[in-house]
Protein backbone atom coordinates (compact mmCIF):
# COMPACT_ATOMS: atom_id res chain seq x y z
CA MET A 1 -4.51 39.65 15.51
CA ALA A 2 -7.71 38.07 14.17
CA SER A 3 -11.03 39.26 15.53
CA ALA A 4 -13.16 37.22 17.93
CA ARG A 5 -15.60 36.39 15.13
CA GLU A 6 -12.82 35.07 12.89
CA MET A 7 -11.48 32.99 15.76
CA ARG A 8 -14.92 31.46 16.36
CA LEU A 9 -15.21 30.54 12.67
CA ARG A 10 -11.77 28.92 12.70
CA ILE A 11 -12.60 26.91 15.82
CA LYS A 12 -15.84 25.72 14.24
CA SER A 13 -14.14 24.68 11.00
CA VAL A 14 -11.37 22.78 12.81
CA LYS A 15 -13.96 20.95 14.93
CA ASN A 16 -15.82 19.95 11.76
CA ILE A 17 -12.58 18.62 10.27
CA SER A 18 -11.86 16.63 13.42
CA GLN A 19 -15.27 15.00 13.17
CA VAL A 20 -14.51 13.92 9.59
CA THR A 21 -11.09 12.52 10.49
CA ARG A 22 -12.56 10.68 13.48
CA ALA A 23 -15.18 9.09 11.22
CA LEU A 24 -12.53 8.07 8.67
CA GLU A 25 -10.46 6.56 11.47
CA THR A 26 -13.42 4.47 12.58
CA VAL A 27 -14.13 3.29 9.03
CA SER A 28 -10.48 2.41 8.45
CA ALA A 29 -10.33 0.48 11.73
CA SER A 30 -13.25 -1.64 10.55
CA LYS A 31 -11.73 -2.19 7.12
CA VAL A 32 -8.29 -3.06 8.41
CA ARG A 33 -9.73 -5.86 10.56
CA LYS A 34 -11.43 -7.38 7.52
CA ALA A 35 -8.28 -6.94 5.41
CA VAL A 36 -6.08 -8.61 8.03
CA ASN A 37 -8.52 -11.52 8.24
CA ALA A 38 -8.35 -11.90 4.45
CA VAL A 39 -4.53 -11.87 4.53
CA THR A 40 -4.28 -14.51 7.23
CA ALA A 41 -6.95 -16.67 5.58
CA THR A 42 -4.97 -16.97 2.32
CA ARG A 43 -1.49 -17.40 3.76
CA SER A 44 -1.87 -21.12 4.46
CA TYR A 45 -2.94 -21.83 0.88
CA ALA A 46 -0.14 -19.66 -0.52
CA THR A 47 2.40 -21.44 1.68
CA LYS A 48 1.33 -24.92 0.61
CA ALA A 49 1.28 -23.90 -3.05
CA TRP A 50 4.80 -22.56 -2.64
CA GLN A 51 5.99 -25.78 -0.99
CA VAL A 52 4.64 -27.92 -3.81
CA LEU A 53 6.06 -25.64 -6.48
CA ARG A 54 9.45 -25.54 -4.79
CA HIS A 55 9.56 -29.32 -4.56
CA VAL A 56 8.77 -29.67 -8.27
CA ALA A 57 11.10 -26.90 -9.45
CA GLU A 58 14.04 -28.19 -7.39
CA GLN A 59 14.20 -31.24 -9.62
CA PRO A 60 17.26 -31.49 -11.90
CA GLY A 61 17.13 -29.48 -15.10
CA ARG A 62 14.67 -26.85 -13.86
CA ASP A 63 15.46 -24.54 -16.79
CA SER A 64 14.04 -27.07 -19.21
CA LEU A 65 11.01 -28.00 -17.12
CA HIS A 66 8.98 -24.87 -17.84
CA PRO A 67 9.57 -21.53 -19.62
CA LEU A 68 8.64 -19.58 -16.48
CA LEU A 69 11.48 -21.26 -14.58
CA ALA A 70 14.17 -20.57 -17.18
CA LYS A 71 16.46 -17.60 -16.68
CA ARG A 72 17.17 -15.48 -19.75
CA LYS A 73 20.76 -15.16 -20.92
CA SER A 74 20.41 -11.38 -21.13
CA VAL A 75 17.84 -8.96 -19.69
CA ASN A 76 16.67 -6.50 -22.34
CA ASN A 77 13.40 -5.35 -20.73
CA THR A 78 12.04 -5.34 -17.19
CA LEU A 79 8.43 -5.27 -16.04
CA VAL A 80 7.47 -3.98 -12.57
CA ILE A 81 4.04 -4.47 -10.99
CA VAL A 82 3.46 -1.61 -8.53
CA ILE A 83 0.63 -1.97 -6.01
CA THR A 84 -0.73 1.19 -4.36
CA GLY A 85 -4.13 2.48 -3.24
CA ASP A 86 -6.98 4.12 -5.13
CA ARG A 87 -7.52 6.84 -2.52
CA GLY A 88 -5.41 9.23 -0.53
CA LEU A 89 -5.62 10.35 3.11
CA ALA A 90 -3.29 7.49 4.06
CA GLY A 91 -0.28 9.51 5.12
CA ALA A 92 2.84 8.72 3.11
CA TYR A 93 1.67 5.23 2.11
CA ASN A 94 1.34 5.77 -1.67
CA SER A 95 4.29 8.15 -2.00
CA ASN A 96 6.54 5.74 -0.10
CA VAL A 97 5.77 2.95 -2.58
CA ILE A 98 6.55 5.14 -5.59
CA ARG A 99 9.68 6.58 -3.95
CA PHE A 100 10.89 3.05 -3.18
CA THR A 101 10.16 1.99 -6.77
CA SER A 102 12.08 4.94 -8.18
CA GLN A 103 15.09 4.30 -5.97
CA ARG A 104 15.13 0.64 -6.97
CA PHE A 105 14.50 0.85 -10.73
CA ASP A 106 15.49 4.33 -11.95
CA SER A 107 19.06 3.11 -12.34
CA ASN A 108 18.07 -0.28 -13.78
CA ALA A 109 20.34 -1.45 -16.59
CA ALA A 110 17.45 -2.51 -18.83
CA PRO A 111 14.45 -0.35 -19.82
CA VAL A 112 11.58 -0.62 -17.32
CA LYS A 113 7.84 -0.58 -17.93
CA TYR A 114 5.15 -0.72 -15.29
CA ILE A 115 1.80 -2.28 -14.48
CA ALA A 116 -0.01 -0.04 -11.99
CA VAL A 117 -2.44 -1.60 -9.52
CA GLY A 118 -4.13 1.38 -7.88
CA ARG A 119 -5.05 4.82 -9.16
CA LYS A 120 -2.65 6.77 -6.94
CA GLY A 121 0.35 4.78 -8.11
CA ARG A 122 -0.70 5.13 -11.73
CA ASP A 123 -0.99 8.91 -11.45
CA LEU A 124 2.37 9.26 -9.69
CA LEU A 125 4.15 7.04 -12.21
CA ILE A 126 2.71 8.94 -15.19
CA ARG A 127 3.61 12.25 -13.52
CA ARG A 128 7.22 11.05 -13.26
CA GLY A 129 7.28 10.12 -16.94
CA LYS A 130 7.29 6.33 -16.47
CA LYS A 131 5.95 3.92 -19.11
CA VAL A 132 2.72 2.41 -17.78
CA ILE A 133 1.44 -0.37 -20.05
CA ALA A 134 -1.59 -1.37 -17.97
CA ASP A 135 -3.72 0.02 -15.16
CA PHE A 136 -5.85 -1.94 -12.70
CA SER A 137 -7.75 0.57 -10.57
CA ASN A 138 -10.91 0.60 -8.48
CA LEU A 139 -10.54 -2.94 -7.17
CA PRO A 140 -13.33 -4.10 -4.81
CA ALA A 141 -12.92 -3.48 -1.11
CA ALA A 142 -12.60 -7.25 -0.62
CA PRO A 143 -11.14 -8.49 -3.93
CA SER A 144 -11.43 -12.11 -4.92
CA PHE A 145 -8.78 -14.09 -6.77
CA SER A 146 -10.64 -13.62 -10.06
CA ASP A 147 -10.55 -9.82 -9.59
CA VAL A 148 -6.75 -9.83 -9.46
CA SER A 149 -5.81 -12.84 -11.62
CA ALA A 150 -5.74 -10.69 -14.77
CA VAL A 151 -2.62 -8.93 -13.44
CA GLY A 152 -0.75 -12.23 -13.10
CA ARG A 153 -1.94 -13.44 -16.50
CA LEU A 154 -0.69 -10.25 -18.14
CA ALA A 155 2.72 -10.61 -16.49
CA VAL A 156 2.99 -14.25 -17.60
CA GLU A 157 1.97 -13.31 -21.15
CA GLU A 158 4.55 -10.52 -21.32
CA PHE A 159 7.24 -12.91 -20.12
CA ASN A 160 6.26 -15.82 -22.39
CA THR A 161 6.14 -13.68 -25.51
CA GLY A 162 9.61 -12.31 -24.81
CA ALA A 163 8.41 -8.72 -24.39
CA VAL A 164 10.15 -8.69 -20.99
CA ASP A 165 12.89 -10.85 -19.52
CA GLU A 166 12.12 -10.40 -15.83
CA VAL A 167 9.14 -9.35 -13.75
CA PHE A 168 9.26 -7.73 -10.30
CA LEU A 169 6.50 -7.11 -7.77
CA VAL A 170 6.52 -4.02 -5.52
CA TYR A 171 4.00 -3.96 -2.66
CA THR A 172 3.68 -3.11 1.01
CA ASN A 173 4.05 -6.06 3.34
CA PHE A 174 1.76 -5.91 6.38
CA ILE A 175 3.72 -6.69 9.55
CA ASN A 176 1.39 -5.26 12.19
CA MET A 177 -0.82 -2.23 12.76
CA GLY A 178 2.14 0.04 13.35
CA ARG A 179 4.59 -1.34 10.79
CA GLN A 180 4.22 -1.83 7.06
CA VAL A 181 7.30 -2.44 4.90
CA THR A 182 7.58 -1.69 1.19
CA THR A 183 8.99 -4.81 -0.46
CA VAL A 184 10.27 -5.86 -3.89
CA LYS A 185 10.12 -9.51 -5.00
CA LYS A 186 11.17 -11.13 -8.23
CA LEU A 187 8.12 -12.71 -9.79
CA LEU A 188 9.49 -14.18 -13.04
CA PRO A 189 11.53 -16.19 -13.61
CA LEU A 190 10.55 -17.83 -10.35
CA GLU A 191 13.36 -17.90 -7.83
CA LEU A 192 13.54 -20.56 -5.16
CA ASP A 193 16.37 -19.23 -3.04
CA GLY A 194 17.38 -16.01 -1.35
CA GLU A 195 15.47 -12.82 -2.02
CA GLY A 196 13.13 -14.41 -4.52
CA ARG A 197 11.40 -16.64 -1.97
CA ILE A 198 7.93 -15.21 -2.09
CA MET A 199 5.02 -15.96 0.21
CA ASP A 200 6.97 -18.48 2.32
CA PHE A 201 5.22 -17.57 5.56
CA GLU A 202 5.86 -20.70 7.56
CA HIS A 203 9.09 -21.70 9.24
CA LYS A 204 11.26 -24.08 7.31
CA SER A 205 11.00 -27.67 8.39
CA THR A 206 14.19 -29.25 9.72
CA GLY A 207 13.11 -32.79 8.92
CA PRO A 208 13.34 -34.66 5.62
CA SER A 209 11.28 -33.27 2.76
CA ALA A 210 8.10 -35.07 1.83
CA ALA A 211 8.01 -37.34 -1.21
CA TYR A 212 5.32 -36.63 -3.79
CA GLU A 213 3.93 -38.62 -6.67
CA TYR A 214 2.50 -36.60 -9.55
CA GLU A 215 -0.26 -37.68 -11.89
CA PRO A 216 -0.35 -37.57 -14.86
CA ASP A 217 3.20 -36.18 -14.95
CA MET A 218 5.36 -33.34 -13.71
CA ARG A 219 5.21 -31.22 -16.87
CA VAL A 220 1.41 -31.16 -16.92
CA ILE A 221 1.38 -30.07 -13.29
CA LEU A 222 3.95 -27.34 -13.96
CA ASP A 223 1.91 -25.99 -16.87
CA GLU A 224 -1.05 -25.65 -14.50
CA ILE A 225 0.51 -24.64 -11.21
CA ILE A 226 3.19 -22.09 -12.21
CA PRO A 227 0.89 -19.55 -13.94
CA ARG A 228 -1.70 -20.01 -11.19
CA PHE A 229 0.90 -19.56 -8.47
CA THR A 230 2.23 -16.43 -10.20
CA ALA A 231 -1.27 -14.95 -10.07
CA LEU A 232 -1.58 -16.11 -6.45
CA GLN A 233 1.54 -14.15 -5.49
CA VAL A 234 0.02 -11.00 -6.98
CA TYR A 235 -3.28 -11.66 -5.20
CA GLN A 236 -1.55 -12.14 -1.85
CA ALA A 237 0.47 -8.95 -2.42
CA VAL A 238 -2.75 -7.02 -3.13
CA LEU A 239 -4.25 -8.26 0.14
CA GLU A 240 -1.09 -7.33 2.04
CA SER A 241 -1.12 -3.86 0.45
CA GLN A 242 -4.78 -3.27 1.23
CA ALA A 243 -4.26 -4.18 4.88
CA SER A 244 -1.24 -1.86 4.98
CA GLU A 245 -3.20 0.96 3.32
CA HIS A 246 -6.08 0.76 5.80
CA ALA A 247 -3.66 0.61 8.73
CA ALA A 248 -1.75 3.64 7.41
CA ARG A 249 -5.00 5.56 6.85
CA MET A 250 -6.27 4.72 10.34
CA ILE A 251 -3.02 5.97 11.92
CA ALA A 252 -2.98 9.08 9.72
CA MET A 253 -6.58 9.95 10.60
CA ARG A 254 -5.91 9.35 14.30
CA ASN A 255 -2.95 11.72 14.16
CA ALA A 256 -5.05 14.25 12.25
CA THR A 257 -7.78 14.06 14.89
CA ASP A 258 -5.27 14.55 17.70
CA ASN A 259 -3.71 17.50 15.89
CA ALA A 260 -7.14 19.03 15.33
CA LYS A 261 -7.90 18.76 19.05
CA GLU A 262 -4.61 20.45 19.92
CA LEU A 263 -5.32 23.19 17.38
CA VAL A 264 -8.81 23.73 18.81
CA ASN A 265 -7.34 24.12 22.29
CA ALA A 266 -4.77 26.62 21.03
CA LEU A 267 -7.42 28.55 19.09
CA GLN A 268 -9.74 28.51 22.09
CA LEU A 269 -6.99 29.99 24.25
CA ALA A 270 -6.27 32.64 21.64
CA TYR A 271 -10.01 33.37 21.35
CA ASN A 272 -10.30 33.81 25.12
CA LYS A 273 -7.39 36.26 25.04
CA VAL A 274 -8.99 38.25 22.21
CA ARG A 275 -12.35 38.24 23.98
CA GLN A 276 -10.78 39.28 27.26
CA GLN A 277 -8.87 42.04 25.50
CA GLY A 278 -12.09 43.29 23.94
CA ILE A 279 -13.85 43.33 27.31
CA THR A 280 -10.90 45.17 28.86
CA ASN A 281 -10.96 47.77 26.08
CA ASP A 282 -14.72 48.27 26.55
CA ILE A 283 -14.25 48.78 30.32
CA LEU A 284 -11.45 51.26 29.69
CA ASP A 285 -13.65 53.19 27.25
CA ILE A 286 -16.50 53.34 29.79
CA VAL A 287 -14.18 54.45 32.61
CA GLY A 288 -12.58 57.06 30.37
CA GLY A 289 -15.97 58.42 29.30
CA ALA A 290 -17.16 58.58 32.90
CA GLU A 291 -14.04 60.48 33.97
CA ALA A 292 -14.49 62.89 31.08
CA LEU A 293 -18.06 63.61 32.09
CA ALA A 294 -17.02 64.10 35.72
CA ALA A 295 -14.29 66.53 34.67
CA LYS A 296 -16.88 68.68 32.83
């Protein structure tokens, strides 16, 4: 059994760790509120952009309207944008994203290459031997659209040049403070039905669809709105992932603080037993010495 001095040192170190985890929990709680506000502030714009794009792309002959709407006859290469965090101490947040990505794309029929958004995801992908063609790390705490638009532009460029035939987006969707879901969405070619419906946050209207008039013409609008909307999807996914990361870190640090408190209580009990045992041994030594002197 450890000595009383060793027990005191362990109790002190665990208390110091609990203070650090409590501070990180407080910081994460502040950041997650700001991140959630950023997510909700952009959802209305993303929804309206999606509605306009869907209305345009649902016109007859969508494959000939714009290259980003046309499906390739065969898929020879796949690009996956993986969004993780730059820092750890967030529980299983980063590892869950990479595990989900591996389960989804390790058995992909076509070769897969990756764009990593976040240092942790980049390191884990490289460690697993994946082909990472670009890395976007150390994003600001509150990224703007211009900070993230380069990711969408790169994906559009890879698709337009024929380097890849489809682009997927893997991120963590923020549901609430206790639930974040790792999600995969098809980014290019844009899908308007089923699983590919991205960023459609509002309920579908049951009434007749609105009629739009486009100036100067539909093709000019498509050339402008589709690349911008592709970058907007990535931006919204980054905001969702950041809110999820801060929520996961806050919960992880809260659990770590609670565990540290329980460990301190257990160590304190063990320390009291060791201290009491030492006092008992000292008393026994004194009584034994006194009896020995009396016997002489």
